[in-house]
């Protein structure tokens, strides 16, 4: 499944081509911030959604590891330098199932079994 390359959201709707080849994906909120050039706001969004649970410094829960922030900033600088053309809206295709042969009924039954194990 695709993720937003900026905030790690699971529903990217936009694709940004980058040169020489490749592309970056963005969810709708990140796309709007990118197109508006609001990189500080995008950083705040990404930090809150992506880094918050994992990258706090042990001695200060309000600070983030500078190495992680630097890595993100370097990646975004590369994106801005190599962006090649406007964003392209992705289609609304249904995501492929991880286990395609499992029907909805089988997945529902399996989920119910996990919640309510049978008493034997």
N, C-alpha and C. Protein backbone atom coordinates (compact mmCIF):
# COMPACT_ATOMS: atom_id res chain seq x y z
N UNK A 1 0.84 -1.17 0.00
CA UNK A 1 0.00 0.00 0.00
C UNK A 1 0.90 1.24 0.00
N UNK A 2 0.49 2.24 -0.74
CA UNK A 2 1.26 3.47 -0.81
C UNK A 2 1.11 4.29 0.46
N UNK A 3 2.15 5.04 0.78
CA UNK A 3 2.12 5.98 1.89
C UNK A 3 2.49 7.35 1.38
N UNK A 4 2.03 8.36 2.09
CA UNK A 4 2.45 9.72 1.80
C UNK A 4 3.94 9.81 2.15
N UNK A 5 4.73 10.31 1.23
CA UNK A 5 6.18 10.42 1.46
C UNK A 5 6.54 11.60 2.36
N UNK A 6 5.54 12.35 2.80
CA UNK A 6 5.81 13.51 3.64
C UNK A 6 5.36 13.29 5.09
N UNK A 7 4.19 12.69 5.28
CA UNK A 7 3.69 12.49 6.65
C UNK A 7 3.47 11.02 6.99
N UNK A 8 3.70 10.13 6.03
CA UNK A 8 3.51 8.68 6.20
C UNK A 8 2.04 8.29 6.31
N UNK A 9 1.13 9.16 5.87
CA UNK A 9 -0.29 8.81 5.82
C UNK A 9 -0.51 7.69 4.81
N UNK A 10 -1.59 6.95 4.99
CA UNK A 10 -1.80 5.76 4.17
C UNK A 10 -2.67 5.99 2.94
N UNK A 11 -3.06 7.20 2.65
CA UNK A 11 -3.97 7.41 1.54
C UNK A 11 -3.48 8.52 0.61
N UNK A 12 -2.32 8.35 -0.03
CA UNK A 12 -1.87 9.42 -0.93
C UNK A 12 -2.76 9.54 -2.15
N UNK A 13 -3.06 10.75 -2.53
CA UNK A 13 -3.91 11.00 -3.70
C UNK A 13 -3.17 11.73 -4.80
N UNK A 14 -1.92 12.11 -4.55
CA UNK A 14 -1.15 12.88 -5.52
C UNK A 14 0.22 12.27 -5.72
N UNK A 15 0.73 12.39 -6.92
CA UNK A 15 2.07 11.90 -7.26
C UNK A 15 2.85 13.05 -7.88
N UNK A 16 4.05 13.28 -7.37
CA UNK A 16 4.94 14.31 -7.89
C UNK A 16 6.08 13.64 -8.64
N UNK A 17 6.19 13.87 -9.94
CA UNK A 17 7.33 13.29 -10.66
C UNK A 17 8.62 14.00 -10.26
N UNK A 18 9.69 13.23 -10.15
CA UNK A 18 11.00 13.80 -9.85
C UNK A 18 12.00 13.31 -10.89
N UNK A 19 12.95 14.19 -11.19
CA UNK A 19 13.97 13.86 -12.19
C UNK A 19 15.15 13.20 -11.47
N UNK A 20 15.89 12.33 -12.07
CA UNK A 20 15.74 11.85 -13.44
C UNK A 20 14.58 10.88 -13.58
N UNK A 21 14.32 10.06 -12.59
CA UNK A 21 13.16 9.16 -12.64
C UNK A 21 12.59 9.07 -11.24
N UNK A 22 11.41 8.55 -11.15
CA UNK A 22 10.83 8.34 -9.83
C UNK A 22 9.70 9.31 -9.55
N UNK A 23 9.10 9.12 -8.38
CA UNK A 23 8.02 10.00 -7.97
C UNK A 23 7.86 9.94 -6.45
N UNK A 24 7.28 10.99 -5.93
CA UNK A 24 6.94 11.07 -4.52
C UNK A 24 5.43 11.14 -4.44
N UNK A 25 4.86 10.58 -3.37
CA UNK A 25 3.42 10.58 -3.19
C UNK A 25 3.05 11.49 -2.02
N UNK A 26 1.88 12.10 -2.13
CA UNK A 26 1.41 13.00 -1.07
C UNK A 26 -0.08 12.81 -0.84
N UNK A 27 -0.47 12.88 0.43
CA UNK A 27 -1.90 12.87 0.76
C UNK A 27 -2.46 14.26 0.45
N UNK A 28 -3.77 14.40 0.54
CA UNK A 28 -4.39 15.68 0.18
C UNK A 28 -3.90 16.84 1.05
N UNK A 29 -3.85 16.71 2.39
CA UNK A 29 -3.37 17.85 3.18
C UNK A 29 -1.92 18.22 2.87
N UNK A 30 -1.05 17.24 2.70
CA UNK A 30 0.35 17.54 2.37
C UNK A 30 0.46 18.16 0.98
N UNK A 31 -0.31 17.66 0.03
CA UNK A 31 -0.32 18.22 -1.32
C UNK A 31 -0.67 19.71 -1.29
N UNK A 32 -1.69 20.06 -0.52
CA UNK A 32 -2.10 21.46 -0.44
C UNK A 32 -0.99 22.33 0.15
N UNK A 33 -0.30 21.82 1.17
CA UNK A 33 0.81 22.57 1.77
C UNK A 33 1.99 22.70 0.81
N UNK A 34 2.30 21.63 0.08
CA UNK A 34 3.40 21.66 -0.88
C UNK A 34 3.11 22.67 -1.97
N UNK A 35 1.91 22.60 -2.56
CA UNK A 35 1.58 23.52 -3.65
C UNK A 35 1.51 24.97 -3.20
N UNK A 36 1.21 25.20 -1.92
CA UNK A 36 1.19 26.56 -1.40
C UNK A 36 2.58 27.01 -0.95
N UNK A 37 3.56 26.09 -0.98
CA UNK A 37 4.92 26.44 -0.55
C UNK A 37 5.05 26.62 0.95
N UNK A 38 4.16 26.00 1.71
CA UNK A 38 4.16 26.15 3.17
C UNK A 38 4.97 25.03 3.82
N UNK A 39 6.28 25.09 3.65
CA UNK A 39 7.16 24.03 4.12
C UNK A 39 7.26 23.97 5.63
N UNK A 40 7.17 25.11 6.31
CA UNK A 40 7.19 25.11 7.77
C UNK A 40 5.97 24.39 8.32
N UNK A 41 4.80 24.68 7.74
CA UNK A 41 3.57 24.02 8.16
C UNK A 41 3.61 22.53 7.82
N UNK A 42 4.18 22.19 6.67
CA UNK A 42 4.32 20.79 6.29
C UNK A 42 5.23 20.07 7.29
N UNK A 43 6.31 20.72 7.68
CA UNK A 43 7.23 20.12 8.67
C UNK A 43 6.51 19.90 10.00
N UNK A 44 5.68 20.85 10.41
CA UNK A 44 4.93 20.68 11.66
C UNK A 44 3.97 19.51 11.54
N UNK A 45 3.30 19.39 10.39
CA UNK A 45 2.37 18.27 10.18
C UNK A 45 3.12 16.95 10.21
N UNK A 46 4.21 16.86 9.46
CA UNK A 46 4.97 15.61 9.39
C UNK A 46 5.56 15.25 10.75
N UNK A 47 6.05 16.25 11.46
CA UNK A 47 6.64 15.99 12.78
C UNK A 47 5.60 15.46 13.73
N UNK A 48 4.42 16.04 13.71
CA UNK A 48 3.35 15.60 14.60
C UNK A 48 2.89 14.19 14.26
N UNK A 49 2.71 13.90 12.97
CA UNK A 49 2.16 12.61 12.57
C UNK A 49 3.20 11.50 12.48
N UNK A 50 4.38 11.82 12.00
CA UNK A 50 5.39 10.79 11.75
C UNK A 50 6.37 10.64 12.89
N UNK A 51 6.95 11.73 13.33
CA UNK A 51 8.03 11.65 14.29
C UNK A 51 7.56 11.56 15.74
N UNK A 52 6.39 12.05 16.02
CA UNK A 52 5.94 12.18 17.40
C UNK A 52 6.13 10.94 18.26
N UNK A 53 5.66 9.78 17.84
CA UNK A 53 5.80 8.64 18.75
C UNK A 53 7.20 8.06 18.83
N UNK A 54 8.07 8.36 17.87
CA UNK A 54 9.31 7.61 17.78
C UNK A 54 10.60 8.39 17.99
N UNK A 55 10.60 9.69 17.74
CA UNK A 55 11.87 10.38 17.64
C UNK A 55 12.11 11.45 18.69
N UNK A 56 11.40 11.38 19.81
CA UNK A 56 11.67 12.33 20.88
C UNK A 56 13.04 12.02 21.49
N UNK A 57 13.70 13.06 21.93
CA UNK A 57 14.93 12.86 22.68
C UNK A 57 14.57 12.38 24.07
N UNK A 58 15.30 11.42 24.61
CA UNK A 58 14.93 10.86 25.92
C UNK A 58 14.88 11.90 27.03
N UNK A 59 15.77 12.89 26.96
CA UNK A 59 15.85 13.87 28.03
C UNK A 59 14.84 15.01 27.89
N UNK A 60 14.20 15.14 26.74
CA UNK A 60 13.26 16.24 26.52
C UNK A 60 12.16 15.78 25.57
N UNK A 61 10.98 15.50 26.10
CA UNK A 61 9.89 14.97 25.29
C UNK A 61 9.31 16.00 24.32
N UNK A 62 9.74 17.27 24.41
CA UNK A 62 9.27 18.29 23.47
C UNK A 62 10.26 18.53 22.34
N UNK A 63 11.41 17.85 22.37
CA UNK A 63 12.43 18.04 21.33
C UNK A 63 12.56 16.77 20.49
N UNK A 64 12.94 16.97 19.25
CA UNK A 64 13.14 15.85 18.34
C UNK A 64 14.62 15.70 18.04
N UNK A 65 15.01 14.49 17.73
CA UNK A 65 16.40 14.19 17.41
C UNK A 65 16.83 15.04 16.22
N UNK A 66 17.83 15.91 16.38
CA UNK A 66 18.25 16.77 15.28
C UNK A 66 18.71 15.99 14.05
N UNK A 67 19.27 14.81 14.23
CA UNK A 67 19.71 14.01 13.09
C UNK A 67 18.51 13.59 12.23
N UNK A 68 17.40 13.27 12.87
CA UNK A 68 16.20 12.87 12.13
C UNK A 68 15.61 14.05 11.39
N UNK A 69 15.55 15.19 12.06
CA UNK A 69 15.03 16.40 11.42
C UNK A 69 15.91 16.80 10.25
N UNK A 70 17.23 16.70 10.41
CA UNK A 70 18.17 17.03 9.33
C UNK A 70 17.98 16.08 8.14
N UNK A 71 17.78 14.80 8.43
CA UNK A 71 17.55 13.82 7.37
C UNK A 71 16.29 14.16 6.59
N UNK A 72 15.22 14.50 7.30
CA UNK A 72 13.97 14.89 6.64
C UNK A 72 14.18 16.14 5.79
N UNK A 73 14.84 17.14 6.35
CA UNK A 73 15.06 18.38 5.62
C UNK A 73 15.91 18.17 4.37
N UNK A 74 16.91 17.29 4.47
CA UNK A 74 17.75 16.98 3.30
C UNK A 74 16.93 16.27 2.21
N UNK A 75 16.07 15.35 2.62
CA UNK A 75 15.24 14.63 1.65
C UNK A 75 14.28 15.61 0.97
N UNK A 76 13.70 16.51 1.72
CA UNK A 76 12.77 17.48 1.12
C UNK A 76 13.50 18.47 0.22
N UNK A 77 14.73 18.82 0.58
CA UNK A 77 15.52 19.71 -0.30
C UNK A 77 15.80 19.00 -1.63
N UNK A 78 16.10 17.70 -1.56
CA UNK A 78 16.30 16.94 -2.79
C UNK A 78 15.02 16.93 -3.62
N UNK A 79 13.88 16.73 -2.96
CA UNK A 79 12.59 16.72 -3.65
C UNK A 79 12.36 18.06 -4.36
N UNK A 80 12.57 19.17 -3.65
CA UNK A 80 12.34 20.49 -4.26
C UNK A 80 13.28 20.73 -5.43
N UNK A 81 14.51 20.27 -5.32
CA UNK A 81 15.49 20.48 -6.40
C UNK A 81 15.22 19.60 -7.62
N UNK A 82 14.60 18.45 -7.40
CA UNK A 82 14.43 17.47 -8.47
C UNK A 82 12.98 17.27 -8.91
N UNK A 83 12.09 18.05 -8.35
CA UNK A 83 10.68 17.96 -8.77
C UNK A 83 10.59 18.31 -10.24
N UNK A 84 9.86 17.50 -10.97
CA UNK A 84 9.81 17.65 -12.42
C UNK A 84 8.35 17.72 -12.87
N UNK A 85 7.79 18.90 -12.86
CA UNK A 85 6.42 19.07 -13.31
C UNK A 85 5.42 19.11 -12.17
N UNK A 86 4.15 19.33 -12.54
CA UNK A 86 3.10 19.45 -11.52
C UNK A 86 2.69 18.10 -10.95
N UNK A 87 2.00 18.15 -9.85
CA UNK A 87 1.47 16.93 -9.24
C UNK A 87 0.40 16.34 -10.14
N UNK A 88 0.30 15.02 -10.10
CA UNK A 88 -0.69 14.29 -10.88
C UNK A 88 -1.65 13.62 -9.91
N UNK A 89 -2.94 13.81 -10.11
CA UNK A 89 -3.94 13.19 -9.25
C UNK A 89 -3.97 11.69 -9.52
N UNK A 90 -3.89 10.90 -8.47
CA UNK A 90 -3.96 9.44 -8.60
C UNK A 90 -5.41 9.01 -8.71
N UNK A 91 -5.65 7.92 -9.42
CA UNK A 91 -7.00 7.38 -9.55
C UNK A 91 -7.50 6.83 -8.24
N UNK A 92 -8.77 6.59 -8.17
CA UNK A 92 -9.39 6.07 -6.95
C UNK A 92 -9.55 4.55 -7.02
N UNK A 93 -8.52 3.87 -7.47
CA UNK A 93 -8.58 2.41 -7.54
C UNK A 93 -8.65 1.84 -6.12
N UNK A 94 -9.35 0.74 -6.02
CA UNK A 94 -9.37 0.06 -4.73
C UNK A 94 -8.02 -0.58 -4.49
N UNK A 95 -7.48 -0.45 -3.29
CA UNK A 95 -6.20 -1.10 -3.03
C UNK A 95 -6.33 -2.62 -3.11
N UNK A 96 -5.28 -3.24 -3.59
CA UNK A 96 -5.28 -4.70 -3.67
C UNK A 96 -5.21 -5.27 -2.26
N UNK A 97 -5.89 -6.37 -2.07
CA UNK A 97 -5.85 -7.04 -0.78
C UNK A 97 -4.49 -7.70 -0.60
N UNK A 98 -4.03 -7.74 0.63
CA UNK A 98 -2.77 -8.42 0.90
C UNK A 98 -2.91 -9.92 0.67
N UNK A 99 -4.07 -10.46 0.99
CA UNK A 99 -4.36 -11.87 0.75
C UNK A 99 -5.59 -11.89 -0.16
N UNK A 100 -5.38 -11.89 -1.48
CA UNK A 100 -6.50 -11.70 -2.40
C UNK A 100 -7.55 -12.79 -2.36
N UNK A 101 -7.21 -13.98 -1.94
CA UNK A 101 -8.18 -15.07 -1.99
C UNK A 101 -9.11 -15.07 -0.78
N UNK A 102 -8.85 -14.25 0.20
CA UNK A 102 -9.73 -14.20 1.37
C UNK A 102 -10.89 -13.27 1.08
N UNK A 103 -12.07 -13.77 1.20
CA UNK A 103 -13.25 -12.95 0.97
C UNK A 103 -13.51 -12.05 2.16
N UNK A 104 -14.40 -11.10 1.95
CA UNK A 104 -14.79 -10.21 3.04
C UNK A 104 -15.39 -11.02 4.19
N UNK A 105 -16.21 -12.00 3.86
CA UNK A 105 -16.84 -12.83 4.89
C UNK A 105 -15.77 -13.56 5.71
N UNK A 106 -14.75 -14.10 5.05
CA UNK A 106 -13.68 -14.81 5.76
C UNK A 106 -12.88 -13.85 6.64
N UNK A 107 -12.61 -12.65 6.13
CA UNK A 107 -11.87 -11.67 6.94
C UNK A 107 -12.68 -11.24 8.15
N UNK A 108 -13.99 -11.05 7.96
CA UNK A 108 -14.86 -10.65 9.07
C UNK A 108 -14.91 -11.75 10.12
N UNK A 109 -15.04 -13.00 9.68
CA UNK A 109 -15.09 -14.13 10.61
C UNK A 109 -13.77 -14.24 11.38
N UNK A 110 -12.65 -14.05 10.69
CA UNK A 110 -11.34 -14.12 11.35
C UNK A 110 -11.19 -13.00 12.38
N UNK A 111 -11.65 -11.81 12.04
CA UNK A 111 -11.57 -10.68 12.99
C UNK A 111 -12.45 -10.96 14.21
N UNK A 112 -13.64 -11.50 13.98
CA UNK A 112 -14.55 -11.82 15.08
C UNK A 112 -13.91 -12.87 15.99
N UNK A 113 -13.25 -13.84 15.40
CA UNK A 113 -12.60 -14.90 16.18
C UNK A 113 -11.47 -14.34 17.03
N UNK A 114 -10.74 -13.36 16.49
CA UNK A 114 -9.66 -12.73 17.28
C UNK A 114 -10.23 -11.96 18.46
N UNK A 115 -11.38 -11.32 18.26
CA UNK A 115 -11.99 -10.54 19.35
C UNK A 115 -12.65 -11.44 20.38
N UNK A 116 -13.30 -12.50 19.90
CA UNK A 116 -14.07 -13.39 20.77
C UNK A 116 -13.63 -14.83 20.57
N UNK A 117 -12.50 -15.23 21.16
CA UNK A 117 -12.04 -16.61 20.94
C UNK A 117 -13.10 -17.60 21.43
N UNK A 118 -13.23 -18.67 20.69
CA UNK A 118 -14.22 -19.69 21.05
C UNK A 118 -13.81 -20.36 22.36
N UNK A 119 -14.80 -20.66 23.13
CA UNK A 119 -14.54 -21.32 24.44
C UNK A 119 -14.77 -22.81 24.27
N UNK A 120 -13.70 -23.56 24.30
CA UNK A 120 -13.80 -25.01 24.12
C UNK A 120 -13.39 -25.73 25.37
